[in-house]
Amino acid sequence: MLMKSNKSSLISKVENKFIKKNLPDIQVGDSVEIGVLIQEGNKERVQNAEGVVISKNNAQLNTTITVRKVLQNIGVERVYLIHSPKIVKINIKRRSKVKKAKLYYLRQRCGKATRLKQRFT
């Protein structure tokens, strides 16, 4: 037992070096814009991705969010590791009132049925 707690404390010390401190408070239902660093050949550029956060998995350094967007009537979802060095910026455009922790029901909806009520804070 002592050996196991010693390993986990060692792992958490190493992970704390890589955790980003300047991230906004991202919640499920937020409309976010994420700047991702893309490398093409020997050039790097920032590509913005936009969508609604439908799930969040809190796991310290391995915290992920799933962002959903509809492009040309096709739903596209992507999982982002928010503490990754490839993520340059995260901008929250809009917050929404939600009653569930995972918004997977948005997958079956289309058009105006996918709208969420805005939350003003």
C-alpha atoms as a PDB file:
ATOM      1  CA  MET A   1       0.000   0.000   0.000  1.00  0.00           C
ATOM      2  CA  LEU A   2       2.820   2.377   0.875  1.00  0.00           C
ATOM      3  CA  MET A   3       4.548   1.627  -2.434  1.00  0.00           C
ATOM      4  CA  LYS A   4       1.368   2.364  -4.397  1.00  0.00           C
ATOM      5  CA  SER A   5       0.772   5.769  -2.768  1.00  0.00           C
ATOM      6  CA  ASN A   6       4.429   6.658  -3.277  1.00  0.00           C
ATOM      7  CA  LYS A   7       4.108   5.944  -7.027  1.00  0.00           C
ATOM      8  CA  SER A   8       0.939   7.993  -7.370  1.00  0.00           C
ATOM      9  CA  SER A   9       2.455  10.985  -5.585  1.00  0.00           C
ATOM     10  CA  LEU A  10       5.492  10.762  -7.857  1.00  0.00           C
ATOM     11  CA  ILE A  11       3.260  10.651 -10.939  1.00  0.00           C
ATOM     12  CA  SER A  12       1.210  13.631  -9.759  1.00  0.00           C
ATOM     13  CA  LYS A  13       4.395  15.673  -9.182  1.00  0.00           C
ATOM     14  CA  VAL A  14       5.507  15.034 -12.757  1.00  0.00           C
ATOM     15  CA  GLU A  15       2.036  15.742 -14.174  1.00  0.00           C
ATOM     16  CA  ASN A  16       1.719  19.063 -12.325  1.00  0.00           C
ATOM     17  CA  LYS A  17       4.555  20.517 -14.424  1.00  0.00           C
ATOM     18  CA  PHE A  18       2.498  20.098 -17.610  1.00  0.00           C
ATOM     19  CA  ILE A  19      -0.947  21.237 -16.386  1.00  0.00           C
ATOM     20  CA  LYS A  20      -2.000  24.574 -17.901  1.00  0.00           C
ATOM     21  CA  LYS A  21      -2.997  27.180 -15.339  1.00  0.00           C
ATOM     22  CA  ASN A  22      -4.630  29.762 -17.631  1.00  0.00           C
ATOM     23  CA  LEU A  23      -7.554  27.685 -18.930  1.00  0.00           C
ATOM     24  CA  PRO A  24     -11.115  29.007 -18.644  1.00  0.00           C
ATOM     25  CA  ASP A  25     -13.748  27.077 -16.685  1.00  0.00           C
ATOM     26  CA  ILE A  26     -15.144  24.867 -19.453  1.00  0.00           C
ATOM     27  CA  GLN A  27     -18.493  23.213 -18.781  1.00  0.00           C
ATOM     28  CA  VAL A  28     -20.787  20.935 -20.745  1.00  0.00           C
ATOM     29  CA  GLY A  29     -23.071  22.984 -22.995  1.00  0.00           C
ATOM     30  CA  ASP A  30     -20.555  25.745 -23.696  1.00  0.00           C
ATOM     31  CA  SER A  31     -19.959  26.910 -27.250  1.00  0.00           C
ATOM     32  CA  VAL A  32     -16.205  27.096 -27.567  1.00  0.00           C
ATOM     33  CA  GLU A  33     -13.603  28.127 -30.091  1.00  0.00           C
ATOM     34  CA  ILE A  34     -10.380  26.130 -29.841  1.00  0.00           C
ATOM     35  CA  GLY A  35      -7.118  27.160 -31.483  1.00  0.00           C
ATOM     36  CA  VAL A  36      -5.174  24.052 -32.489  1.00  0.00           C
ATOM     37  CA  LEU A  37      -1.562  24.172 -33.670  1.00  0.00           C
ATOM     38  CA  ILE A  38      -1.323  22.467 -37.080  1.00  0.00           C
ATOM     39  CA  GLN A  39       2.016  21.567 -38.633  1.00  0.00           C
ATOM     40  CA  GLU A  40       2.219  21.469 -42.436  1.00  0.00           C
ATOM     41  CA  GLY A  41       5.673  20.546 -43.615  1.00  0.00           C
ATOM     42  CA  ASN A  42       8.017  22.901 -41.790  1.00  0.00           C
ATOM     43  CA  LYS A  43       5.364  25.580 -41.161  1.00  0.00           C
ATOM     44  CA  GLU A  44       3.051  25.870 -38.170  1.00  0.00           C
ATOM     45  CA  ARG A  45      -0.280  27.654 -38.039  1.00  0.00           C
ATOM     46  CA  VAL A  46      -3.242  27.933 -35.689  1.00  0.00           C
ATOM     47  CA  GLN A  47      -6.502  26.464 -36.934  1.00  0.00           C
ATOM     48  CA  ASN A  48      -9.686  27.423 -35.087  1.00  0.00           C
ATOM     49  CA  ALA A  49     -12.303  24.771 -34.399  1.00  0.00           C
ATOM     50  CA  GLU A  50     -15.732  25.720 -33.099  1.00  0.00           C
ATOM     51  CA  GLY A  51     -18.579  23.745 -31.551  1.00  0.00           C
ATOM     52  CA  VAL A  52     -20.563  22.730 -28.483  1.00  0.00           C
ATOM     53  CA  VAL A  53     -18.975  20.801 -25.621  1.00  0.00           C
ATOM     54  CA  ILE A  54     -21.097  17.649 -25.281  1.00  0.00           C
ATOM     55  CA  SER A  55     -18.959  15.862 -22.691  1.00  0.00           C
ATOM     56  CA  LYS A  56     -16.074  16.459 -20.356  1.00  0.00           C
ATOM     57  CA  ASN A  57     -13.826  13.862 -18.741  1.00  0.00           C
ATOM     58  CA  ASN A  58     -11.920  15.213 -15.731  1.00  0.00           C
ATOM     59  CA  ALA A  59      -8.683  13.305 -15.166  1.00  0.00           C
ATOM     60  CA  GLN A  60      -6.079  15.885 -14.079  1.00  0.00           C
ATOM     61  CA  LEU A  61      -3.536  16.019 -16.912  1.00  0.00           C
ATOM     62  CA  ASN A  62      -5.655  13.783 -19.158  1.00  0.00           C
ATOM     63  CA  THR A  63      -8.753  15.996 -19.015  1.00  0.00           C
ATOM     64  CA  THR A  64     -10.625  15.835 -22.318  1.00  0.00           C
ATOM     65  CA  ILE A  65     -13.606  17.573 -23.862  1.00  0.00           C
ATOM     66  CA  THR A  66     -15.696  16.344 -26.782  1.00  0.00           C
ATOM     67  CA  VAL A  67     -16.750  19.115 -29.154  1.00  0.00           C
ATOM     68  CA  ARG A  68     -19.575  18.656 -31.668  1.00  0.00           C
ATOM     69  CA  LYS A  69     -20.254  20.713 -34.773  1.00  0.00           C
ATOM     70  CA  VAL A  70     -22.527  20.180 -37.771  1.00  0.00           C
ATOM     71  CA  LEU A  71     -20.880  20.764 -41.162  1.00  0.00           C
ATOM     72  CA  GLN A  72     -22.948  20.382 -44.364  1.00  0.00           C
ATOM     73  CA  ASN A  73     -25.589  18.310 -42.523  1.00  0.00           C
ATOM     74  CA  ILE A  74     -22.965  15.934 -41.133  1.00  0.00           C
ATOM     75  CA  GLY A  75     -22.243  15.886 -37.402  1.00  0.00           C
ATOM     76  CA  VAL A  76     -18.536  16.026 -36.575  1.00  0.00           C
ATOM     77  CA  GLU A  77     -17.203  15.286 -33.091  1.00  0.00           C
ATOM     78  CA  ARG A  78     -13.650  15.616 -31.916  1.00  0.00           C
ATOM     79  CA  VAL A  79     -12.016  14.876 -28.581  1.00  0.00           C
ATOM     80  CA  TYR A  80      -9.489  17.461 -27.384  1.00  0.00           C
ATOM     81  CA  LEU A  81      -6.897  16.936 -24.658  1.00  0.00           C
ATOM     82  CA  ILE A  82      -7.100  20.403 -23.110  1.00  0.00           C
ATOM     83  CA  HIS A  83      -3.663  20.358 -21.454  1.00  0.00           C
ATOM     84  CA  SER A  84      -1.956  19.386 -24.717  1.00  0.00           C
ATOM     85  CA  PRO A  85       0.762  21.727 -26.024  1.00  0.00           C
ATOM     86  CA  LYS A  86      -1.030  21.630 -29.416  1.00  0.00           C
ATOM     87  CA  ILE A  87      -3.960  23.577 -27.917  1.00  0.00           C
ATOM     88  CA  VAL A  88      -2.997  27.236 -28.145  1.00  0.00           C
ATOM     89  CA  LYS A  89      -6.190  28.897 -26.899  1.00  0.00           C
ATOM     90  CA  ILE A  90      -9.693  28.100 -25.750  1.00  0.00           C
ATOM     91  CA  ASN A  91     -12.312  30.821 -25.999  1.00  0.00           C
ATOM     92  CA  ILE A  92     -15.813  30.388 -24.559  1.00  0.00           C
ATOM     93  CA  LYS A  93     -18.280  32.108 -26.865  1.00  0.00           C
ATOM     94  CA  ARG A  94     -21.541  31.202 -25.141  1.00  0.00           C
ATOM     95  CA  ARG A  95     -22.739  29.309 -22.071  1.00  0.00           C
ATOM     96  CA  SER A  96     -25.911  27.228 -22.026  1.00  0.00           C
ATOM     97  CA  LYS A  97     -28.260  25.849 -19.398  1.00  0.00           C
ATOM     98  CA  VAL A  98     -28.066  22.061 -19.357  1.00  0.00           C
ATOM     99  CA  LYS A  99     -29.457  19.469 -16.971  1.00  0.00           C
ATOM    100  CA  LYS A 100     -27.265  16.548 -18.000  1.00  0.00           C
ATOM    101  CA  ALA A 101     -23.563  15.816 -17.697  1.00  0.00           C
ATOM    102  CA  LYS A 102     -23.355  14.363 -21.221  1.00  0.00           C
ATOM    103  CA  LEU A 103     -25.280  15.831 -24.159  1.00  0.00           C
ATOM    104  CA  TYR A 104     -25.230  12.738 -26.368  1.00  0.00           C
ATOM    105  CA  TYR A 105     -28.918  13.252 -27.168  1.00  0.00           C
ATOM    106  CA  LEU A 106     -27.871  16.073 -29.537  1.00  0.00           C
ATOM    107  CA  ARG A 107     -26.618  13.396 -31.940  1.00  0.00           C
ATOM    108  CA  GLN A 108     -30.172  12.363 -32.816  1.00  0.00           C
ATOM    109  CA  ARG A 109     -31.395  15.928 -33.295  1.00  0.00           C
ATOM    110  CA  CYS A 110     -30.983  18.241 -36.236  1.00  0.00           C
ATOM    111  CA  GLY A 111     -31.696  21.850 -37.116  1.00  0.00           C
ATOM    112  CA  LYS A 112     -33.369  24.051 -34.532  1.00  0.00           C
ATOM    113  CA  ALA A 113     -33.859  21.111 -32.159  1.00  0.00           C
ATOM    114  CA  THR A 114     -30.147  21.255 -31.312  1.00  0.00           C
ATOM    115  CA  ARG A 115     -30.369  24.732 -29.815  1.00  0.00           C
ATOM    116  CA  LEU A 116     -29.653  25.127 -26.107  1.00  0.00           C
ATOM    117  CA  LYS A 117     -30.955  27.880 -23.842  1.00  0.00           C
ATOM    118  CA  GLN A 118     -28.363  30.530 -23.089  1.00  0.00           C
ATOM    119  CA  ARG A 119     -27.184  31.011 -19.525  1.00  0.00           C
ATOM    120  CA  PHE A 120     -26.284  34.524 -18.449  1.00  0.00           C
ATOM    121  CA  THR A 121     -23.715  34.810 -15.667  1.00  0.00           C
END
